Amino acid sequence: MMYDDIEVAALGRRAGDAFDAHMDTFTCGEVLHDMYMEIIGTDPAGIEALSLSLALLSARQVRTRAAWIEAQDEWLFASAMACDSDLYDDEEDHHQ
């Protein structure tokens, strides 16, 4: 399959969006960790709630990382195909 510039750009944006979504999970994790540290030893119910939130966030990180890697691989594959196909646009030049 050959990819045109518009498709490669769209795949690049998709990979960028997937990366941003994955990195957002780390920002969220930092906030939850800070909250956890503020209430440790003083609010058992809060610690339990934050522990559950951190577990759910960890599962989301696994999913967003997989989505980012898949999107990035698609984009890199399409980019290479677009570059490689440009090398031989003129078949006569290629065979000489």
N, C-alpha and C. Protein backbone atom coordinates (compact mmCIF):
# COMPACT_ATOMS: atom_id res chain seq x y z
N MET A 1 0.85 -1.19 0.00
CA MET A 1 0.00 0.00 0.00
C MET A 1 0.88 1.24 0.00
N MET A 2 0.53 2.19 -0.81
CA MET A 2 1.26 3.45 -0.88
C MET A 2 0.49 4.52 -0.12
N TYR A 3 1.22 5.38 0.55
CA TYR A 3 0.61 6.45 1.34
C TYR A 3 0.96 7.78 0.70
N ASP A 4 -0.04 8.65 0.58
CA ASP A 4 0.24 9.99 0.08
C ASP A 4 0.58 10.91 1.26
N ASP A 5 0.97 12.13 0.95
CA ASP A 5 1.40 13.08 1.98
C ASP A 5 0.30 13.37 3.01
N ILE A 6 -0.94 13.42 2.56
CA ILE A 6 -2.05 13.70 3.47
C ILE A 6 -2.23 12.56 4.46
N GLU A 7 -2.14 11.33 3.97
CA GLU A 7 -2.27 10.18 4.86
C GLU A 7 -1.12 10.10 5.86
N VAL A 8 0.09 10.37 5.39
CA VAL A 8 1.25 10.35 6.29
C VAL A 8 1.11 11.43 7.36
N ALA A 9 0.66 12.61 6.95
CA ALA A 9 0.46 13.70 7.92
C ALA A 9 -0.61 13.33 8.94
N ALA A 10 -1.70 12.72 8.48
CA ALA A 10 -2.78 12.31 9.40
C ALA A 10 -2.28 11.25 10.39
N LEU A 11 -1.49 10.31 9.90
CA LEU A 11 -0.93 9.29 10.79
C LEU A 11 0.05 9.91 11.78
N GLY A 12 0.79 10.92 11.32
CA GLY A 12 1.71 11.62 12.22
C GLY A 12 0.95 12.35 13.33
N ARG A 13 -0.16 12.99 12.96
CA ARG A 13 -0.98 13.66 13.99
C ARG A 13 -1.57 12.64 14.96
N ARG A 14 -2.01 11.52 14.44
CA ARG A 14 -2.57 10.47 15.30
C ARG A 14 -1.51 9.96 16.28
N ALA A 15 -0.31 9.77 15.80
CA ALA A 15 0.78 9.31 16.67
C ALA A 15 1.09 10.37 17.73
N GLY A 16 1.09 11.64 17.32
CA GLY A 16 1.33 12.73 18.27
C GLY A 16 0.24 12.81 19.33
N ASP A 17 -1.00 12.66 18.91
CA ASP A 17 -2.12 12.67 19.86
C ASP A 17 -2.04 11.50 20.84
N ALA A 18 -1.66 10.33 20.32
CA ALA A 18 -1.54 9.15 21.18
C ALA A 18 -0.41 9.35 22.19
N PHE A 19 0.69 9.97 21.75
CA PHE A 19 1.79 10.25 22.68
C PHE A 19 1.33 11.23 23.76
N ASP A 20 0.62 12.28 23.36
CA ASP A 20 0.13 13.26 24.33
C ASP A 20 -0.81 12.61 25.35
N ALA A 21 -1.69 11.73 24.88
CA ALA A 21 -2.62 11.04 25.80
C ALA A 21 -1.83 10.18 26.79
N HIS A 22 -0.79 9.53 26.30
CA HIS A 22 0.02 8.70 27.18
C HIS A 22 0.75 9.57 28.21
N MET A 23 1.32 10.66 27.77
CA MET A 23 2.06 11.52 28.70
C MET A 23 1.14 12.18 29.72
N ASP A 24 -0.11 12.43 29.34
CA ASP A 24 -1.08 13.00 30.28
C ASP A 24 -1.28 12.09 31.49
N THR A 25 -1.14 10.78 31.29
CA THR A 25 -1.32 9.87 32.41
C THR A 25 -0.23 10.09 33.47
N PHE A 26 0.95 10.50 33.04
CA PHE A 26 2.02 10.76 34.00
C PHE A 26 1.76 12.04 34.78
N THR A 27 1.22 13.05 34.11
CA THR A 27 0.84 14.29 34.80
C THR A 27 -0.20 13.98 35.86
N CYS A 28 -1.20 13.20 35.48
CA CYS A 28 -2.24 12.81 36.42
C CYS A 28 -1.65 12.02 37.57
N GLY A 29 -0.74 11.13 37.28
CA GLY A 29 -0.10 10.33 38.32
C GLY A 29 0.66 11.18 39.32
N GLU A 30 1.32 12.23 38.82
CA GLU A 30 2.05 13.14 39.71
C GLU A 30 1.08 13.83 40.68
N VAL A 31 -0.04 14.28 40.16
CA VAL A 31 -1.04 14.96 41.01
C VAL A 31 -1.59 13.99 42.06
N LEU A 32 -1.94 12.78 41.62
CA LEU A 32 -2.47 11.80 42.57
C LEU A 32 -1.42 11.44 43.63
N HIS A 33 -0.19 11.32 43.21
CA HIS A 33 0.88 11.02 44.17
C HIS A 33 1.04 12.15 45.19
N ASP A 34 1.01 13.38 44.71
CA ASP A 34 1.12 14.53 45.63
C ASP A 34 -0.04 14.52 46.63
N MET A 35 -1.24 14.23 46.15
CA MET A 35 -2.39 14.17 47.05
C MET A 35 -2.21 13.05 48.08
N TYR A 36 -1.73 11.92 47.61
CA TYR A 36 -1.49 10.77 48.47
C TYR A 36 -0.51 11.15 49.59
N MET A 37 0.58 11.83 49.21
CA MET A 37 1.59 12.21 50.20
C MET A 37 1.05 13.23 51.20
N GLU A 38 0.13 14.07 50.77
CA GLU A 38 -0.45 15.07 51.68
C GLU A 38 -1.33 14.45 52.75
N ILE A 39 -2.00 13.35 52.42
CA ILE A 39 -2.97 12.79 53.38
C ILE A 39 -2.50 11.50 54.04
N ILE A 40 -1.32 11.03 53.67
CA ILE A 40 -0.84 9.76 54.22
C ILE A 40 -0.85 9.81 55.75
N GLY A 41 -1.39 8.80 56.35
CA GLY A 41 -1.45 8.70 57.80
C GLY A 41 -2.57 9.49 58.45
N THR A 42 -3.31 10.27 57.67
CA THR A 42 -4.37 11.08 58.26
C THR A 42 -5.77 10.75 57.74
N ASP A 43 -5.84 10.12 56.57
CA ASP A 43 -7.15 9.89 55.95
C ASP A 43 -7.17 8.51 55.28
N PRO A 44 -7.46 7.46 56.04
CA PRO A 44 -7.45 6.11 55.46
C PRO A 44 -8.41 5.94 54.28
N ALA A 45 -9.58 6.56 54.34
CA ALA A 45 -10.53 6.45 53.22
C ALA A 45 -9.97 7.15 51.98
N GLY A 46 -9.32 8.29 52.18
CA GLY A 46 -8.71 9.01 51.06
C GLY A 46 -7.58 8.21 50.44
N ILE A 47 -6.78 7.57 51.30
CA ILE A 47 -5.68 6.73 50.81
C ILE A 47 -6.22 5.57 49.98
N GLU A 48 -7.29 4.96 50.46
CA GLU A 48 -7.91 3.85 49.73
C GLU A 48 -8.42 4.32 48.36
N ALA A 49 -9.07 5.46 48.34
CA ALA A 49 -9.59 6.01 47.08
C ALA A 49 -8.46 6.34 46.11
N LEU A 50 -7.41 6.96 46.64
CA LEU A 50 -6.28 7.31 45.77
C LEU A 50 -5.54 6.07 45.30
N SER A 51 -5.44 5.07 46.15
CA SER A 51 -4.80 3.82 45.74
C SER A 51 -5.55 3.18 44.58
N LEU A 52 -6.87 3.17 44.66
CA LEU A 52 -7.68 2.65 43.56
C LEU A 52 -7.48 3.49 42.31
N SER A 53 -7.47 4.79 42.46
CA SER A 53 -7.26 5.69 41.32
C SER A 53 -5.91 5.43 40.67
N LEU A 54 -4.88 5.25 41.47
CA LEU A 54 -3.55 4.97 40.93
C LEU A 54 -3.50 3.63 40.20
N ALA A 55 -4.22 2.65 40.71
CA ALA A 55 -4.27 1.35 40.03
C ALA A 55 -4.97 1.48 38.68
N LEU A 56 -6.08 2.21 38.66
CA LEU A 56 -6.79 2.44 37.39
C LEU A 56 -5.93 3.23 36.41
N LEU A 57 -5.22 4.21 36.93
CA LEU A 57 -4.33 5.01 36.09
C LEU A 57 -3.21 4.15 35.50
N SER A 58 -2.67 3.27 36.30
CA SER A 58 -1.62 2.37 35.83
C SER A 58 -2.11 1.51 34.66
N ALA A 59 -3.32 1.00 34.78
CA ALA A 59 -3.91 0.22 33.69
C ALA A 59 -4.10 1.08 32.44
N ARG A 60 -4.50 2.34 32.65
CA ARG A 60 -4.65 3.26 31.51
C ARG A 60 -3.31 3.54 30.86
N GLN A 61 -2.26 3.66 31.65
CA GLN A 61 -0.93 3.89 31.09
C GLN A 61 -0.51 2.75 30.17
N VAL A 62 -0.83 1.55 30.56
CA VAL A 62 -0.50 0.39 29.72
C VAL A 62 -1.24 0.50 28.38
N ARG A 63 -2.53 0.83 28.44
CA ARG A 63 -3.33 0.95 27.21
C ARG A 63 -2.87 2.11 26.33
N THR A 64 -2.60 3.27 26.96
CA THR A 64 -2.20 4.43 26.15
C THR A 64 -0.81 4.23 25.55
N ARG A 65 0.06 3.53 26.26
CA ARG A 65 1.39 3.26 25.71
C ARG A 65 1.27 2.34 24.50
N ALA A 66 0.45 1.31 24.60
CA ALA A 66 0.24 0.39 23.48
C ALA A 66 -0.35 1.13 22.28
N ALA A 67 -1.32 2.01 22.53
CA ALA A 67 -1.93 2.79 21.45
C ALA A 67 -0.91 3.73 20.81
N TRP A 68 -0.07 4.35 21.62
CA TRP A 68 0.96 5.25 21.10
C TRP A 68 1.96 4.48 20.24
N ILE A 69 2.44 3.35 20.73
CA ILE A 69 3.42 2.56 19.97
C ILE A 69 2.82 2.10 18.65
N GLU A 70 1.58 1.65 18.68
CA GLU A 70 0.93 1.21 17.44
C GLU A 70 0.79 2.37 16.45
N ALA A 71 0.34 3.51 16.93
CA ALA A 71 0.17 4.67 16.04
C ALA A 71 1.51 5.14 15.51
N GLN A 72 2.52 5.14 16.35
CA GLN A 72 3.85 5.57 15.91
C GLN A 72 4.41 4.61 14.87
N ASP A 73 4.23 3.30 15.10
CA ASP A 73 4.71 2.31 14.13
C ASP A 73 4.02 2.48 12.78
N GLU A 74 2.71 2.71 12.81
CA GLU A 74 1.97 2.93 11.55
C GLU A 74 2.51 4.15 10.82
N TRP A 75 2.73 5.23 11.56
CA TRP A 75 3.22 6.46 10.95
C TRP A 75 4.62 6.27 10.38
N LEU A 76 5.50 5.61 11.16
CA LEU A 76 6.86 5.39 10.68
C LEU A 76 6.87 4.49 9.45
N PHE A 77 6.03 3.47 9.44
CA PHE A 77 5.92 2.60 8.28
C PHE A 77 5.45 3.39 7.06
N ALA A 78 4.39 4.18 7.25
CA ALA A 78 3.85 4.97 6.14
C ALA A 78 4.87 6.00 5.67
N SER A 79 5.59 6.60 6.59
CA SER A 79 6.61 7.59 6.22
C SER A 79 7.71 6.96 5.39
N ALA A 80 8.15 5.79 5.79
CA ALA A 80 9.19 5.10 5.04
C ALA A 80 8.69 4.71 3.67
N MET A 81 7.45 4.25 3.60
CA MET A 81 6.89 3.88 2.31
C MET A 81 6.78 5.11 1.41
N ALA A 82 6.37 6.23 1.98
CA ALA A 82 6.25 7.46 1.18
C ALA A 82 7.62 7.88 0.67
N CYS A 83 8.61 7.81 1.54
CA CYS A 83 9.97 8.20 1.14
C CYS A 83 10.52 7.24 0.10
N ASP A 84 10.34 5.94 0.32
CA ASP A 84 10.86 4.96 -0.62
C ASP A 84 10.19 5.08 -1.98
N SER A 85 8.89 5.33 -2.01
CA SER A 85 8.20 5.42 -3.29
C SER A 85 8.65 6.66 -4.06
N ASP A 86 9.04 7.71 -3.35
CA ASP A 86 9.52 8.92 -4.02
C ASP A 86 10.87 8.69 -4.70
N LEU A 87 11.63 7.74 -4.23
CA LEU A 87 12.96 7.50 -4.81
C LEU A 87 12.87 7.01 -6.24
N TYR A 88 11.82 6.28 -6.55
CA TYR A 88 11.73 5.65 -7.85
C TYR A 88 10.51 6.10 -8.64
N ASP A 89 10.22 7.39 -8.58
CA ASP A 89 9.08 7.90 -9.34
C ASP A 89 9.31 7.73 -10.83
N ASP A 90 10.54 7.86 -11.24
CA ASP A 90 10.86 7.71 -12.66
C ASP A 90 11.57 6.38 -12.84
N GLU A 91 10.83 5.37 -13.28
CA GLU A 91 11.37 4.02 -13.40
C GLU A 91 12.54 3.97 -14.39
N GLU A 92 12.50 4.80 -15.43
CA GLU A 92 13.59 4.77 -16.40
C GLU A 92 14.91 5.17 -15.75
N ASP A 93 14.89 6.19 -14.89
CA ASP A 93 16.11 6.61 -14.20
C ASP A 93 16.62 5.50 -13.29
N HIS A 94 15.72 4.77 -12.71
CA HIS A 94 16.09 3.74 -11.76
C HIS A 94 16.80 2.58 -12.48
N HIS A 95 16.39 2.25 -13.69
CA HIS A 95 16.95 1.10 -14.40
C HIS A 95 18.18 1.45 -15.20
N GLN A 96 18.54 2.68 -15.32
CA GLN A 96 19.71 3.05 -16.14
C GLN A 96 20.99 2.87 -15.41
